Amino acid sequence: MASTSASTHTTLPPELHALVQTATDILSTLPASDPPRLTDHTVASAALAADGRIFTGINMFHFAGGPCAENVAVGNAVAGGISSMYSPPSPSAPKVLLEAIVAVASQGRGVISPCGRCRQLLMDYWPGIKVVVQDEDGTLRCLEIRELLPFAYVPKAFTRKDTVVG
């Protein structure tokens, strides 16, 4: 099995370590140019659902912009039947939410933290999700999205006031 980094230590439970490994393994299957180009896929993500399924994605780097690997992974999860906090209740099936997510960068850079846009998306759709990050010492840690995005802009800010003052 490939390692995320030679100096990485971990305090993760086995299922989250497996999530990191899944994202790492995806990177090893992607073709890369020599020397690497900016247009190469440089990040893979893996998301763990409450029912044990893992959904993956890679970033789609493009000069005009493109989705991060985390966005692709959660899009694949929703396409696979995973619910978000906005999913309507179903009498025939319980909601299955995402529980954890990780992003791993290519070229041996290991686990990386999600960007601000990804943090906001995760907070909005899965406010209880845990995110695997790597601290300055190389230790893998699992944090709640709220810890990565304190004082977040939350969906209740969209609520319209029906009362007119004046």
N, C-alpha and C. Protein backbone atom coordinates (compact mmCIF):
# COMPACT_ATOMS: atom_id res chain seq x y z
N MET A 1 0.83 -1.18 0.00
CA MET A 1 0.00 0.00 0.00
C MET A 1 0.87 1.24 0.00
N ALA A 2 0.45 2.22 -0.75
CA ALA A 2 1.19 3.47 -0.81
C ALA A 2 0.94 4.28 0.45
N SER A 3 1.91 5.05 0.82
CA SER A 3 1.78 5.90 2.00
C SER A 3 1.44 7.30 1.56
N THR A 4 0.70 8.03 2.39
CA THR A 4 0.37 9.41 2.05
C THR A 4 1.57 10.32 2.20
N SER A 5 2.48 9.98 3.06
CA SER A 5 3.68 10.78 3.27
C SER A 5 4.62 9.97 4.15
N ALA A 6 5.89 10.07 3.88
CA ALA A 6 6.86 9.30 4.66
C ALA A 6 6.85 9.70 6.13
N SER A 7 6.51 10.96 6.43
CA SER A 7 6.55 11.42 7.80
C SER A 7 5.18 11.48 8.47
N THR A 8 4.15 10.94 7.81
CA THR A 8 2.80 11.03 8.35
C THR A 8 2.59 10.10 9.53
N HIS A 9 2.06 10.65 10.60
CA HIS A 9 1.63 9.87 11.75
C HIS A 9 0.11 9.89 11.72
N THR A 10 -0.52 8.97 12.40
CA THR A 10 -1.97 8.97 12.36
C THR A 10 -2.57 8.62 13.71
N THR A 11 -3.66 9.27 14.01
CA THR A 11 -4.45 8.94 15.18
C THR A 11 -5.87 8.60 14.72
N LEU A 12 -6.00 8.25 13.47
CA LEU A 12 -7.31 7.98 12.88
C LEU A 12 -7.79 6.57 13.16
N PRO A 13 -9.11 6.38 13.24
CA PRO A 13 -9.64 5.02 13.31
C PRO A 13 -9.42 4.32 11.96
N PRO A 14 -9.47 3.00 11.93
CA PRO A 14 -9.18 2.25 10.70
C PRO A 14 -10.02 2.67 9.50
N GLU A 15 -11.30 2.97 9.69
CA GLU A 15 -12.14 3.33 8.54
C GLU A 15 -11.72 4.65 7.91
N LEU A 16 -11.18 5.57 8.71
CA LEU A 16 -10.71 6.83 8.13
C LEU A 16 -9.33 6.68 7.52
N HIS A 17 -8.51 5.82 8.09
CA HIS A 17 -7.23 5.52 7.46
C HIS A 17 -7.47 4.88 6.08
N ALA A 18 -8.47 4.00 5.99
CA ALA A 18 -8.83 3.38 4.71
C ALA A 18 -9.33 4.42 3.72
N LEU A 19 -10.01 5.45 4.20
CA LEU A 19 -10.49 6.52 3.33
C LEU A 19 -9.31 7.28 2.73
N VAL A 20 -8.32 7.58 3.55
CA VAL A 20 -7.10 8.24 3.07
C VAL A 20 -6.42 7.37 2.02
N GLN A 21 -6.34 6.08 2.29
CA GLN A 21 -5.69 5.17 1.36
C GLN A 21 -6.44 5.09 0.03
N THR A 22 -7.77 5.11 0.08
CA THR A 22 -8.57 5.08 -1.14
C THR A 22 -8.25 6.27 -2.03
N ALA A 23 -8.21 7.47 -1.45
CA ALA A 23 -7.88 8.67 -2.22
C ALA A 23 -6.45 8.60 -2.75
N THR A 24 -5.53 8.12 -1.94
CA THR A 24 -4.13 7.98 -2.36
C THR A 24 -4.01 7.01 -3.53
N ASP A 25 -4.73 5.89 -3.45
CA ASP A 25 -4.67 4.89 -4.51
C ASP A 25 -5.21 5.43 -5.84
N ILE A 26 -6.23 6.28 -5.78
CA ILE A 26 -6.77 6.86 -7.02
C ILE A 26 -5.70 7.66 -7.74
N LEU A 27 -4.93 8.44 -6.99
CA LEU A 27 -3.88 9.25 -7.61
C LEU A 27 -2.87 8.38 -8.35
N SER A 28 -2.58 7.21 -7.82
CA SER A 28 -1.58 6.35 -8.45
C SER A 28 -2.08 5.76 -9.77
N THR A 29 -3.38 5.82 -10.03
CA THR A 29 -3.92 5.28 -11.29
C THR A 29 -4.05 6.34 -12.37
N LEU A 30 -3.88 7.60 -12.02
CA LEU A 30 -4.07 8.68 -12.99
C LEU A 30 -2.81 8.90 -13.82
N PRO A 31 -2.98 9.08 -15.12
CA PRO A 31 -1.80 9.37 -15.94
C PRO A 31 -1.28 10.77 -15.62
N ALA A 32 0.01 10.92 -15.64
CA ALA A 32 0.63 12.22 -15.39
C ALA A 32 1.66 12.49 -16.47
N SER A 33 1.82 13.74 -16.79
CA SER A 33 2.82 14.12 -17.78
C SER A 33 4.17 14.32 -17.09
N ASP A 34 5.22 14.28 -17.88
CA ASP A 34 6.55 14.50 -17.34
C ASP A 34 7.21 15.59 -18.18
N PRO A 35 7.42 16.78 -17.69
CA PRO A 35 7.15 17.22 -16.32
C PRO A 35 5.65 17.44 -16.10
N PRO A 36 5.22 17.47 -14.83
CA PRO A 36 3.80 17.68 -14.54
C PRO A 36 3.31 19.02 -15.10
N ARG A 37 2.09 19.01 -15.59
CA ARG A 37 1.47 20.24 -16.10
C ARG A 37 0.40 20.70 -15.12
N LEU A 38 0.06 21.96 -15.20
CA LEU A 38 -1.00 22.49 -14.35
C LEU A 38 -2.33 21.82 -14.64
N THR A 39 -2.50 21.29 -15.84
CA THR A 39 -3.78 20.68 -16.21
C THR A 39 -3.91 19.24 -15.74
N ASP A 40 -2.86 18.68 -15.15
CA ASP A 40 -2.96 17.32 -14.61
C ASP A 40 -3.92 17.31 -13.42
N HIS A 41 -4.57 16.17 -13.22
CA HIS A 41 -5.41 15.99 -12.04
C HIS A 41 -4.47 15.82 -10.85
N THR A 42 -4.55 16.72 -9.90
CA THR A 42 -3.56 16.75 -8.83
C THR A 42 -4.11 16.43 -7.44
N VAL A 43 -5.42 16.26 -7.32
CA VAL A 43 -6.02 15.96 -6.02
C VAL A 43 -7.11 14.91 -6.21
N ALA A 44 -7.15 13.96 -5.29
CA ALA A 44 -8.23 12.97 -5.23
C ALA A 44 -8.91 13.09 -3.88
N SER A 45 -10.20 12.79 -3.85
CA SER A 45 -10.96 12.86 -2.61
C SER A 45 -11.76 11.59 -2.43
N ALA A 46 -12.00 11.22 -1.19
CA ALA A 46 -12.85 10.07 -0.87
C ALA A 46 -13.77 10.48 0.28
N ALA A 47 -15.05 10.14 0.14
CA ALA A 47 -16.06 10.48 1.15
C ALA A 47 -16.72 9.20 1.64
N LEU A 48 -16.87 9.10 2.95
CA LEU A 48 -17.46 7.92 3.59
C LEU A 48 -18.90 8.21 3.98
N ALA A 49 -19.81 7.35 3.51
CA ALA A 49 -21.23 7.47 3.87
C ALA A 49 -21.53 6.65 5.12
N ALA A 50 -22.62 6.98 5.78
CA ALA A 50 -23.02 6.29 7.01
C ALA A 50 -23.26 4.81 6.79
N ASP A 51 -23.59 4.42 5.56
CA ASP A 51 -23.83 2.99 5.27
C ASP A 51 -22.56 2.26 4.87
N GLY A 52 -21.40 2.93 4.95
CA GLY A 52 -20.12 2.29 4.66
C GLY A 52 -19.62 2.45 3.24
N ARG A 53 -20.45 2.97 2.35
CA ARG A 53 -19.99 3.17 0.97
C ARG A 53 -19.01 4.33 0.92
N ILE A 54 -18.06 4.23 -0.02
CA ILE A 54 -17.07 5.27 -0.24
C ILE A 54 -17.27 5.81 -1.65
N PHE A 55 -17.32 7.12 -1.76
CA PHE A 55 -17.47 7.81 -3.04
C PHE A 55 -16.21 8.62 -3.28
N THR A 56 -15.74 8.62 -4.52
CA THR A 56 -14.48 9.27 -4.83
C THR A 56 -14.65 10.32 -5.92
N GLY A 57 -13.63 11.16 -6.05
CA GLY A 57 -13.60 12.16 -7.11
C GLY A 57 -12.20 12.69 -7.28
N ILE A 58 -11.95 13.26 -8.43
CA ILE A 58 -10.67 13.94 -8.69
C ILE A 58 -10.97 15.36 -9.12
N ASN A 59 -10.02 16.25 -8.89
CA ASN A 59 -10.23 17.62 -9.33
C ASN A 59 -10.16 17.70 -10.86
N MET A 60 -10.79 18.69 -11.40
CA MET A 60 -10.80 18.92 -12.85
C MET A 60 -10.20 20.29 -13.09
N PHE A 61 -8.89 20.38 -12.96
CA PHE A 61 -8.21 21.67 -13.10
C PHE A 61 -8.34 22.16 -14.54
N HIS A 62 -8.68 23.43 -14.68
CA HIS A 62 -8.79 24.06 -15.99
C HIS A 62 -8.55 25.56 -15.80
N PHE A 63 -7.94 26.20 -16.79
CA PHE A 63 -7.62 27.61 -16.64
C PHE A 63 -8.85 28.47 -16.41
N ALA A 64 -10.02 28.02 -16.84
CA ALA A 64 -11.26 28.77 -16.64
C ALA A 64 -11.93 28.42 -15.31
N GLY A 65 -11.29 27.57 -14.54
CA GLY A 65 -11.86 27.13 -13.26
C GLY A 65 -12.40 25.73 -13.40
N GLY A 66 -12.56 25.07 -12.31
CA GLY A 66 -13.07 23.71 -12.32
C GLY A 66 -13.33 23.24 -10.92
N PRO A 67 -14.05 22.15 -10.78
CA PRO A 67 -14.40 21.69 -9.43
C PRO A 67 -13.22 21.04 -8.72
N CYS A 68 -13.21 21.23 -7.42
CA CYS A 68 -12.25 20.55 -6.56
C CYS A 68 -12.63 19.08 -6.45
N ALA A 69 -11.69 18.26 -6.03
CA ALA A 69 -11.94 16.82 -5.88
C ALA A 69 -13.07 16.55 -4.89
N GLU A 70 -13.14 17.33 -3.81
CA GLU A 70 -14.19 17.14 -2.82
C GLU A 70 -15.57 17.36 -3.44
N ASN A 71 -15.70 18.38 -4.29
CA ASN A 71 -16.99 18.64 -4.94
C ASN A 71 -17.39 17.49 -5.85
N VAL A 72 -16.42 16.93 -6.56
CA VAL A 72 -16.71 15.80 -7.45
C VAL A 72 -17.12 14.58 -6.61
N ALA A 73 -16.43 14.33 -5.51
CA ALA A 73 -16.76 13.19 -4.65
C ALA A 73 -18.16 13.32 -4.07
N VAL A 74 -18.52 14.50 -3.57
CA VAL A 74 -19.86 14.64 -2.98
C VAL A 74 -20.93 14.63 -4.06
N GLY A 75 -20.62 15.11 -5.25
CA GLY A 75 -21.56 14.99 -6.36
C GLY A 75 -21.81 13.53 -6.71
N ASN A 76 -20.75 12.74 -6.73
CA ASN A 76 -20.90 11.30 -6.97
C ASN A 76 -21.71 10.64 -5.86
N ALA A 77 -21.53 11.10 -4.63
CA ALA A 77 -22.28 10.54 -3.50
C ALA A 77 -23.78 10.82 -3.66
N VAL A 78 -24.11 12.05 -3.99
CA VAL A 78 -25.52 12.41 -4.18
C VAL A 78 -26.11 11.63 -5.35
N ALA A 79 -25.35 11.50 -6.44
CA ALA A 79 -25.82 10.70 -7.58
C ALA A 79 -26.01 9.24 -7.18
N GLY A 80 -25.28 8.78 -6.16
CA GLY A 80 -25.40 7.41 -5.67
C GLY A 80 -26.45 7.23 -4.60
N GLY A 81 -27.25 8.27 -4.34
CA GLY A 81 -28.35 8.14 -3.40
C GLY A 81 -28.10 8.68 -2.01
N ILE A 82 -26.97 9.31 -1.78
CA ILE A 82 -26.68 9.87 -0.46
C ILE A 82 -27.48 11.15 -0.26
N SER A 83 -27.99 11.33 0.93
CA SER A 83 -28.82 12.49 1.26
C SER A 83 -27.96 13.63 1.80
N SER A 84 -28.55 14.81 1.76
CA SER A 84 -27.95 15.97 2.42
C SER A 84 -28.99 16.49 3.40
N MET A 85 -28.66 17.54 4.11
CA MET A 85 -29.63 18.07 5.06
C MET A 85 -30.86 18.64 4.35
N TYR A 86 -30.77 18.87 3.05
CA TYR A 86 -31.89 19.40 2.28
C TYR A 86 -32.75 18.31 1.64
N SER A 87 -32.30 17.07 1.69
CA SER A 87 -33.05 15.98 1.07
C SER A 87 -34.38 15.79 1.78
N PRO A 88 -35.47 15.70 1.02
CA PRO A 88 -36.76 15.47 1.67
C PRO A 88 -36.81 14.08 2.29
N PRO A 89 -37.56 13.94 3.37
CA PRO A 89 -37.68 12.61 3.97
C PRO A 89 -38.42 11.66 3.03
N SER A 90 -38.04 10.41 3.08
CA SER A 90 -38.67 9.39 2.25
C SER A 90 -39.29 8.33 3.17
N PRO A 91 -40.55 7.99 2.93
CA PRO A 91 -41.17 6.96 3.77
C PRO A 91 -40.59 5.57 3.51
N SER A 92 -39.97 5.39 2.35
CA SER A 92 -39.46 4.06 2.00
C SER A 92 -37.98 3.84 2.33
N ALA A 93 -37.25 4.92 2.56
CA ALA A 93 -35.81 4.76 2.83
C ALA A 93 -35.34 5.85 3.78
N PRO A 94 -34.55 5.48 4.77
CA PRO A 94 -34.01 6.50 5.68
C PRO A 94 -32.92 7.33 4.98
N LYS A 95 -32.69 8.52 5.50
CA LYS A 95 -31.60 9.34 4.98
C LYS A 95 -30.27 8.68 5.31
N VAL A 96 -29.39 8.65 4.33
CA VAL A 96 -28.01 8.20 4.54
C VAL A 96 -27.13 9.40 4.23
N LEU A 97 -26.39 9.86 5.22
CA LEU A 97 -25.57 11.06 5.09
C LEU A 97 -24.09 10.71 4.95
N LEU A 98 -23.32 11.68 4.48
CA LEU A 98 -21.87 11.53 4.48
C LEU A 98 -21.37 11.77 5.89
N GLU A 99 -20.40 10.96 6.30
CA GLU A 99 -19.84 11.08 7.65
C GLU A 99 -18.44 11.68 7.68
N ALA A 100 -17.65 11.43 6.62
CA ALA A 100 -16.26 11.90 6.62
C ALA A 100 -15.78 12.08 5.19
N ILE A 101 -14.77 12.94 5.04
CA ILE A 101 -14.19 13.19 3.72
C ILE A 101 -12.70 13.52 3.89
N VAL A 102 -11.93 13.23 2.85
CA VAL A 102 -10.51 13.55 2.84
C VAL A 102 -10.11 13.93 1.42
N ALA A 103 -9.10 14.78 1.30
CA ALA A 103 -8.49 15.11 0.01
C ALA A 103 -6.99 14.82 0.12
N VAL A 104 -6.44 14.21 -0.94
CA VAL A 104 -5.02 13.87 -0.97
C VAL A 104 -4.42 14.47 -2.24
N ALA A 105 -3.29 15.14 -2.11
CA ALA A 105 -2.63 15.78 -3.24
C ALA A 105 -1.58 14.85 -3.85
N SER A 106 -1.38 15.00 -5.14
CA SER A 106 -0.42 14.17 -5.88
C SER A 106 1.02 14.52 -5.51
N GLN A 107 1.94 13.79 -6.12
CA GLN A 107 3.37 13.99 -5.97
C GLN A 107 3.82 13.87 -4.51
N GLY A 108 3.16 12.96 -3.76
CA GLY A 108 3.56 12.68 -2.40
C GLY A 108 3.26 13.77 -1.39
N ARG A 109 2.41 14.72 -1.74
CA ARG A 109 2.12 15.83 -0.82
C ARG A 109 1.17 15.42 0.30
N GLY A 110 0.49 14.30 0.14
CA GLY A 110 -0.35 13.77 1.21
C GLY A 110 -1.66 14.49 1.39
N VAL A 111 -2.23 14.32 2.57
CA VAL A 111 -3.54 14.88 2.90
C VAL A 111 -3.45 16.40 2.93
N ILE A 112 -4.44 17.04 2.31
CA ILE A 112 -4.52 18.50 2.31
C ILE A 112 -5.88 18.91 2.86
N SER A 113 -5.93 20.11 3.39
CA SER A 113 -7.19 20.65 3.92
C SER A 113 -8.04 21.16 2.77
N PRO A 114 -9.36 21.11 2.92
CA PRO A 114 -10.22 21.64 1.87
C PRO A 114 -10.11 23.16 1.78
N CYS A 115 -10.32 23.67 0.58
CA CYS A 115 -10.30 25.12 0.37
C CYS A 115 -11.56 25.73 1.02
N GLY A 116 -11.63 27.02 1.05
CA GLY A 116 -12.77 27.70 1.66
C GLY A 116 -14.09 27.38 0.99
N ARG A 117 -14.10 27.32 -0.33
CA ARG A 117 -15.34 27.00 -1.06
C ARG A 117 -15.83 25.61 -0.70
N CYS A 118 -14.92 24.64 -0.62
CA CYS A 118 -15.31 23.27 -0.25
C CYS A 118 -15.78 23.22 1.20
N ARG A 119 -15.14 23.96 2.08
CA ARG A 119 -15.57 23.99 3.48
C ARG A 119 -17.00 24.50 3.58
N GLN A 120 -17.32 25.55 2.83
CA GLN A 120 -18.66 26.11 2.88
C GLN A 120 -19.68 25.12 2.32
N LEU A 121 -19.36 24.46 1.22
CA LEU A 121 -20.27 23.47 0.64
C LEU A 121 -20.53 22.34 1.63
N LEU A 122 -19.48 21.82 2.26
CA LEU A 122 -19.64 20.74 3.23
C LEU A 122 -20.47 21.19 4.42
N MET A 123 -20.23 22.40 4.90
CA MET A 123 -20.98 22.93 6.04
C MET A 123 -22.46 23.08 5.69
N ASP A 124 -22.74 23.54 4.48
CA ASP A 124 -24.13 23.76 4.08
C ASP A 124 -24.91 22.46 3.91
N TYR A 125 -24.31 21.46 3.32
CA TYR A 125 -25.03 20.22 3.00
C TYR A 125 -24.87 19.12 4.05
N TRP A 126 -23.73 19.05 4.71
CA TRP A 126 -23.46 18.02 5.72
C TRP A 126 -22.81 18.67 6.94
N PRO A 127 -23.56 19.44 7.73
CA PRO A 127 -22.95 20.18 8.84
C PRO A 127 -22.34 19.30 9.93
N GLY A 128 -22.59 18.01 9.91
CA GLY A 128 -21.99 17.11 10.89
C GLY A 128 -20.82 16.32 10.36
N ILE A 129 -20.39 16.60 9.11
CA ILE A 129 -19.32 15.80 8.49
C ILE A 129 -17.98 16.05 9.19
N LYS A 130 -17.18 15.02 9.20
CA LYS A 130 -15.82 15.12 9.74
C LYS A 130 -14.84 15.18 8.56
N VAL A 131 -13.76 15.91 8.73
CA VAL A 131 -12.78 16.11 7.67
C VAL A 131 -11.41 15.66 8.18
N VAL A 132 -10.75 14.82 7.40
CA VAL A 132 -9.39 14.39 7.74
C VAL A 132 -8.43 15.46 7.25
N VAL A 133 -7.58 15.94 8.14
CA VAL A 133 -6.58 16.95 7.82
C VAL A 133 -5.23 16.49 8.34
N GLN A 134 -4.20 17.17 7.89
CA GLN A 134 -2.84 16.87 8.35
C GLN A 134 -2.28 18.11 9.01
N ASP A 135 -1.82 17.98 10.26
CA ASP A 135 -1.29 19.15 10.95
C ASP A 135 0.18 19.39 10.57
N GLU A 136 0.76 20.42 11.15
CA GLU A 136 2.13 20.81 10.81
C GLU A 136 3.15 19.73 11.10
N ASP A 137 2.86 18.85 12.06
CA ASP A 137 3.78 17.76 12.41
C ASP A 137 3.59 16.53 11.53
N GLY A 138 2.64 16.59 10.60
CA GLY A 138 2.37 15.44 9.74
C GLY A 138 1.38 14.46 10.32
N THR A 139 0.78 14.81 11.45
CA THR A 139 -0.21 13.93 12.08
C THR A 139 -1.56 14.10 11.41
N LEU A 140 -2.18 12.97 11.04
CA LEU A 140 -3.52 13.02 10.48
C LEU A 140 -4.51 13.12 11.62
N ARG A 141 -5.43 14.07 11.48
CA ARG A 141 -6.45 14.30 12.50
C ARG A 141 -7.81 14.38 11.84
N CYS A 142 -8.83 14.13 12.61
CA CYS A 142 -10.19 14.22 12.12
C CYS A 142 -10.89 15.35 12.87
N LEU A 143 -11.35 16.36 12.12
CA LEU A 143 -12.01 17.51 12.72
C LEU A 143 -13.41 17.64 12.16
N GLU A 144 -14.31 18.19 12.95
CA GLU A 144 -15.64 18.49 12.44
C GLU A 144 -15.54 19.71 11.53
N ILE A 145 -16.40 19.75 10.52
CA ILE A 145 -16.36 20.86 9.57
C ILE A 145 -16.52 22.20 10.30
N ARG A 146 -17.26 22.23 11.38
CA ARG A 146 -17.45 23.47 12.15
C ARG A 146 -16.12 23.99 12.70
N GLU A 147 -15.18 23.09 12.97
CA GLU A 147 -13.87 23.51 13.47
C GLU A 147 -13.04 24.14 12.36
N LEU A 148 -13.29 23.72 11.12
CA LEU A 148 -12.55 24.27 9.98
C LEU A 148 -13.20 25.53 9.43
N LEU A 149 -14.44 25.78 9.81
CA LEU A 149 -15.15 26.94 9.30
C LEU A 149 -15.95 27.60 10.42
N PRO A 150 -15.23 28.20 11.39
CA PRO A 150 -15.96 28.86 12.48
C PRO A 150 -16.70 30.09 11.96
N PHE A 151 -17.78 30.40 12.59
CA PHE A 151 -18.59 31.57 12.22
C PHE A 151 -19.03 31.50 10.76
N ALA A 152 -19.40 30.32 10.32
CA ALA A 152 -19.78 30.10 8.92
C ALA A 152 -21.04 30.86 8.54
N TYR A 153 -21.10 31.22 7.29
CA TYR A 153 -22.33 31.74 6.71
C TYR A 153 -23.26 30.55 6.58
N VAL A 154 -24.40 30.55 7.25
CA VAL A 154 -25.26 29.38 7.29
C VAL A 154 -26.56 29.60 6.53
N PRO A 155 -27.20 28.51 6.08
CA PRO A 155 -28.41 28.62 5.26
C PRO A 155 -29.53 29.44 5.88
N LYS A 156 -29.62 29.51 7.22
CA LYS A 156 -30.71 30.29 7.81
C LYS A 156 -30.61 31.77 7.43
N ALA A 157 -29.46 32.20 6.96
CA ALA A 157 -29.31 33.58 6.50
C ALA A 157 -30.15 33.83 5.25
N PHE A 158 -30.53 32.74 4.56
CA PHE A 158 -31.37 32.87 3.37
C PHE A 158 -32.85 33.07 3.72
N THR A 159 -33.21 32.80 4.98
CA THR A 159 -34.61 32.88 5.39
C THR A 159 -35.12 34.30 5.24
N ARG A 160 -36.25 34.42 4.56
CA ARG A 160 -36.83 35.73 4.31
C ARG A 160 -37.76 36.11 5.45
N LYS A 161 -37.68 37.31 5.85
CA LYS A 161 -38.59 37.83 6.87
C LYS A 161 -39.89 38.23 6.18
N ASP A 162 -41.00 37.74 6.69
CA ASP A 162 -42.30 38.06 6.10
C ASP A 162 -42.90 39.34 6.67
N THR A 163 -42.31 39.84 7.71
CA THR A 163 -42.83 41.04 8.34
C THR A 163 -42.16 42.26 7.74
N VAL A 164 -42.99 43.21 7.35
CA VAL A 164 -42.47 44.47 6.83
C VAL A 164 -42.55 45.50 7.94
N VAL A 165 -41.44 46.13 8.20
CA VAL A 165 -41.40 47.15 9.24
C VAL A 165 -41.59 48.50 8.58
N GLY A 166 -42.46 49.34 9.18
CA GLY A 166 -42.56 50.68 8.65
C GLY A 166 -43.88 51.26 8.60
